[in-house]
Amino acid sequence: MKTLLRPRTAVAALFLALASSSAMAATSEAQQEANRKAVLAFYDKGLNQKDADAALAYVGIFPSFIGYIFYNKGVAEIGANKASLFIHLMPVFGTILSTIFLGEIPHWYHYLGIGLIFTGIWLTMRK
């Protein structure tokens, strides 16, 4: 049986998946709500402008900038054809990360969507 991804390509695919999840987490509705609550917490606790600037710098550097660098590196390593499959993993990792970090509970339609995504990737990758 032939492997679908070479070892170097598998590492690039991992970076691509991580970057996709990072980008998804930065733009999901749950994350936007969490960001809104965090901003309100700054005002409620009377935190200063320095703390708000640090939070904004964190959001601008890690989920946004570094996530896209990893994504572009992954596309360069495995090519656009295979990378286009992994872009569909963004909702999967967004769901996983929202469960871990935000305490959200996935519903049946999340699992159905995740199953359909993996089925589509499997159908596309098989020979």
C-alpha atoms as a PDB file:
ATOM      1  CA  MET A   1       0.000   0.000   0.000  1.00  0.00           C
ATOM      2  CA  LYS A   2       1.388   3.380  -0.980  1.00  0.00           C
ATOM      3  CA  THR A   3       1.492   6.156   1.563  1.00  0.00           C
ATOM      4  CA  LEU A   4      -0.351   9.273   0.582  1.00  0.00           C
ATOM      5  CA  LEU A   5       2.088  11.706   2.149  1.00  0.00           C
ATOM      6  CA  ARG A   6       5.868  11.550   2.390  1.00  0.00           C
ATOM      7  CA  PRO A   7       7.274  12.116   5.921  1.00  0.00           C
ATOM      8  CA  ARG A   8       8.337  15.681   5.108  1.00  0.00           C
ATOM      9  CA  THR A   9       4.959  16.339   3.550  1.00  0.00           C
ATOM     10  CA  ALA A  10       3.190  14.925   6.604  1.00  0.00           C
ATOM     11  CA  VAL A  11       4.973  17.480   8.793  1.00  0.00           C
ATOM     12  CA  ALA A  12       3.921  20.231   6.405  1.00  0.00           C
ATOM     13  CA  ALA A  13       0.348  18.934   6.543  1.00  0.00           C
ATOM     14  CA  LEU A  14       0.477  19.096  10.334  1.00  0.00           C
ATOM     15  CA  PHE A  15       1.645  22.708  10.198  1.00  0.00           C
ATOM     16  CA  LEU A  16      -1.104  23.412   7.689  1.00  0.00           C
ATOM     17  CA  ALA A  17      -3.756  21.909   9.960  1.00  0.00           C
ATOM     18  CA  LEU A  18      -2.481  23.818  12.989  1.00  0.00           C
ATOM     19  CA  ALA A  19      -2.380  27.066  11.047  1.00  0.00           C
ATOM     20  CA  SER A  20      -5.889  26.475   9.732  1.00  0.00           C
ATOM     21  CA  SER A  21      -7.207  25.902  13.227  1.00  0.00           C
ATOM     22  CA  SER A  22      -5.444  29.020  14.451  1.00  0.00           C
ATOM     23  CA  ALA A  23      -6.990  31.113  11.704  1.00  0.00           C
ATOM     24  CA  MET A  24     -10.404  29.575  12.368  1.00  0.00           C
ATOM     25  CA  ALA A  25     -10.158  30.255  16.095  1.00  0.00           C
ATOM     26  CA  ALA A  26      -9.348  33.883  15.363  1.00  0.00           C
ATOM     27  CA  THR A  27     -12.509  34.370  13.320  1.00  0.00           C
ATOM     28  CA  SER A  28     -15.154  32.059  14.786  1.00  0.00           C
ATOM     29  CA  GLU A  29     -18.273  33.467  16.384  1.00  0.00           C
ATOM     30  CA  ALA A  30     -17.397  31.877  19.698  1.00  0.00           C
ATOM     31  CA  GLN A  31     -13.980  33.511  19.642  1.00  0.00           C
ATOM     32  CA  GLN A  32     -15.485  36.872  18.778  1.00  0.00           C
ATOM     33  CA  GLU A  33     -17.818  36.525  21.757  1.00  0.00           C
ATOM     34  CA  ALA A  34     -14.900  35.531  23.988  1.00  0.00           C
ATOM     35  CA  ASN A  35     -12.932  38.546  22.744  1.00  0.00           C
ATOM     36  CA  ARG A  36     -15.895  40.805  23.503  1.00  0.00           C
ATOM     37  CA  LYS A  37     -16.138  39.401  27.033  1.00  0.00           C
ATOM     38  CA  ALA A  38     -12.389  39.832  27.512  1.00  0.00           C
ATOM     39  CA  VAL A  39     -12.593  43.472  26.472  1.00  0.00           C
ATOM     40  CA  LEU A  40     -15.497  44.029  28.871  1.00  0.00           C
ATOM     41  CA  ALA A  41     -13.477  42.332  31.625  1.00  0.00           C
ATOM     42  CA  PHE A  42     -10.702  44.865  31.049  1.00  0.00           C
ATOM     43  CA  TYR A  43     -13.148  47.689  31.663  1.00  0.00           C
ATOM     44  CA  ASP A  44     -14.872  45.993  34.603  1.00  0.00           C
ATOM     45  CA  LYS A  45     -11.607  45.278  36.413  1.00  0.00           C
ATOM     46  CA  GLY A  46     -10.203  48.687  35.669  1.00  0.00           C
ATOM     47  CA  LEU A  47      -7.186  47.325  33.821  1.00  0.00           C
ATOM     48  CA  ASN A  48      -4.994  49.891  32.185  1.00  0.00           C
ATOM     49  CA  GLN A  49      -4.246  50.633  28.561  1.00  0.00           C
ATOM     50  CA  LYS A  50      -0.966  48.690  28.765  1.00  0.00           C
ATOM     51  CA  ASP A  51      -2.854  45.441  29.464  1.00  0.00           C
ATOM     52  CA  ALA A  52      -5.286  46.119  26.638  1.00  0.00           C
ATOM     53  CA  ASP A  53      -2.390  46.806  24.255  1.00  0.00           C
ATOM     54  CA  ALA A  54      -0.693  43.557  25.309  1.00  0.00           C
ATOM     55  CA  ALA A  55      -3.892  41.577  24.634  1.00  0.00           C
ATOM     56  CA  LEU A  56      -4.305  43.210  21.240  1.00  0.00           C
ATOM     57  CA  ALA A  57      -0.655  42.502  20.370  1.00  0.00           C
ATOM     58  CA  TYR A  58      -1.120  38.851  21.332  1.00  0.00           C
ATOM     59  CA  VAL A  59      -4.190  38.471  19.113  1.00  0.00           C
ATOM     60  CA  GLY A  60      -2.452  40.263  16.255  1.00  0.00           C
ATOM     61  CA  ILE A  61       0.762  38.226  16.446  1.00  0.00           C
ATOM     62  CA  PHE A  62      -0.109  34.650  17.338  1.00  0.00           C
ATOM     63  CA  PRO A  63      -3.488  33.673  15.858  1.00  0.00           C
ATOM     64  CA  SER A  64      -3.298  36.063  12.938  1.00  0.00           C
ATOM     65  CA  PHE A  65       0.246  36.612  11.748  1.00  0.00           C
ATOM     66  CA  ILE A  66       2.018  33.404  12.790  1.00  0.00           C
ATOM     67  CA  GLY A  67      -0.972  31.259  11.805  1.00  0.00           C
ATOM     68  CA  TYR A  68      -0.850  32.565   8.251  1.00  0.00           C
ATOM     69  CA  ILE A  69       2.929  32.115   8.074  1.00  0.00           C
ATOM     70  CA  PHE A  70       2.524  28.433   8.996  1.00  0.00           C
ATOM     71  CA  TYR A  71      -0.333  28.073   6.526  1.00  0.00           C
ATOM     72  CA  ASN A  72       1.685  29.554   3.675  1.00  0.00           C
ATOM     73  CA  LYS A  73       4.677  27.362   4.577  1.00  0.00           C
ATOM     74  CA  GLY A  74       2.440  24.295   4.467  1.00  0.00           C
ATOM     75  CA  VAL A  75       1.036  25.282   1.059  1.00  0.00           C
ATOM     76  CA  ALA A  76       4.559  25.795  -0.258  1.00  0.00           C
ATOM     77  CA  GLU A  77       5.641  22.366   1.025  1.00  0.00           C
ATOM     78  CA  ILE A  78       2.773  20.177  -0.174  1.00  0.00           C
ATOM     79  CA  GLY A  79       1.365  22.221  -3.034  1.00  0.00           C
ATOM     80  CA  ALA A  80      -1.954  23.921  -3.554  1.00  0.00           C
ATOM     81  CA  ASN A  81      -3.790  20.771  -4.686  1.00  0.00           C
ATOM     82  CA  LYS A  82      -3.267  18.896  -1.420  1.00  0.00           C
ATOM     83  CA  ALA A  83      -3.397  22.047   0.710  1.00  0.00           C
ATOM     84  CA  SER A  84      -6.871  22.842  -0.570  1.00  0.00           C
ATOM     85  CA  LEU A  85      -8.116  19.682   1.152  1.00  0.00           C
ATOM     86  CA  PHE A  86      -6.782  20.759   4.525  1.00  0.00           C
ATOM     87  CA  ILE A  87      -8.538  24.124   4.452  1.00  0.00           C
ATOM     88  CA  HIS A  88     -11.717  22.167   5.148  1.00  0.00           C
ATOM     89  CA  LEU A  89     -10.263  21.114   8.514  1.00  0.00           C
ATOM     90  CA  MET A  90     -10.623  24.656   9.859  1.00  0.00           C
ATOM     91  CA  PRO A  91     -14.138  24.037  11.272  1.00  0.00           C
ATOM     92  CA  VAL A  92     -12.971  20.726  12.753  1.00  0.00           C
ATOM     93  CA  PHE A  93     -10.125  22.322  14.679  1.00  0.00           C
ATOM     94  CA  GLY A  94     -12.287  25.332  15.492  1.00  0.00           C
ATOM     95  CA  THR A  95     -14.813  22.996  17.120  1.00  0.00           C
ATOM     96  CA  ILE A  96     -12.097  21.121  19.011  1.00  0.00           C
ATOM     97  CA  LEU A  97     -10.427  24.310  20.237  1.00  0.00           C
ATOM     98  CA  SER A  98     -13.734  25.894  21.281  1.00  0.00           C
ATOM     99  CA  THR A  99     -14.510  22.771  23.290  1.00  0.00           C
ATOM    100  CA  ILE A 100     -11.116  22.795  24.990  1.00  0.00           C
ATOM    101  CA  PHE A 101     -10.631  26.502  25.636  1.00  0.00           C
ATOM    102  CA  LEU A 102     -14.146  27.939  25.734  1.00  0.00           C
ATOM    103  CA  GLY A 103     -16.017  25.011  27.250  1.00  0.00           C
ATOM    104  CA  GLU A 104     -18.542  24.791  24.433  1.00  0.00           C
ATOM    105  CA  ILE A 105     -20.390  21.524  23.963  1.00  0.00           C
ATOM    106  CA  PRO A 106     -20.519  20.203  20.375  1.00  0.00           C
ATOM    107  CA  HIS A 107     -23.933  19.126  19.103  1.00  0.00           C
ATOM    108  CA  TRP A 108     -24.910  16.355  16.711  1.00  0.00           C
ATOM    109  CA  TYR A 109     -24.583  18.610  13.669  1.00  0.00           C
ATOM    110  CA  HIS A 110     -20.974  19.393  14.592  1.00  0.00           C
ATOM    111  CA  TYR A 111     -20.173  15.677  14.604  1.00  0.00           C
ATOM    112  CA  LEU A 112     -22.089  15.196  11.361  1.00  0.00           C
ATOM    113  CA  GLY A 113     -20.122  18.023   9.723  1.00  0.00           C
ATOM    114  CA  ILE A 114     -16.808  16.669  10.994  1.00  0.00           C
ATOM    115  CA  GLY A 115     -17.708  13.239   9.647  1.00  0.00           C
ATOM    116  CA  LEU A 116     -18.615  14.686   6.252  1.00  0.00           C
ATOM    117  CA  ILE A 117     -15.354  16.650   6.125  1.00  0.00           C
ATOM    118  CA  PHE A 118     -13.247  13.569   6.857  1.00  0.00           C
ATOM    119  CA  THR A 119     -15.280  11.517   4.388  1.00  0.00           C
ATOM    120  CA  GLY A 120     -14.692  14.132   1.681  1.00  0.00           C
ATOM    121  CA  ILE A 121     -10.954  14.239   2.381  1.00  0.00           C
ATOM    122  CA  TRP A 122     -10.792  10.429   2.366  1.00  0.00           C
ATOM    123  CA  LEU A 123     -12.701  10.213  -0.937  1.00  0.00           C
ATOM    124  CA  THR A 124     -10.434  12.798  -2.512  1.00  0.00           C
ATOM    125  CA  MET A 125      -7.152  11.276  -1.270  1.00  0.00           C
ATOM    126  CA  ARG A 126      -7.850   7.642  -2.190  1.00  0.00           C
ATOM    127  CA  LYS A 127      -6.714   6.285  -5.516  1.00  0.00           C
END
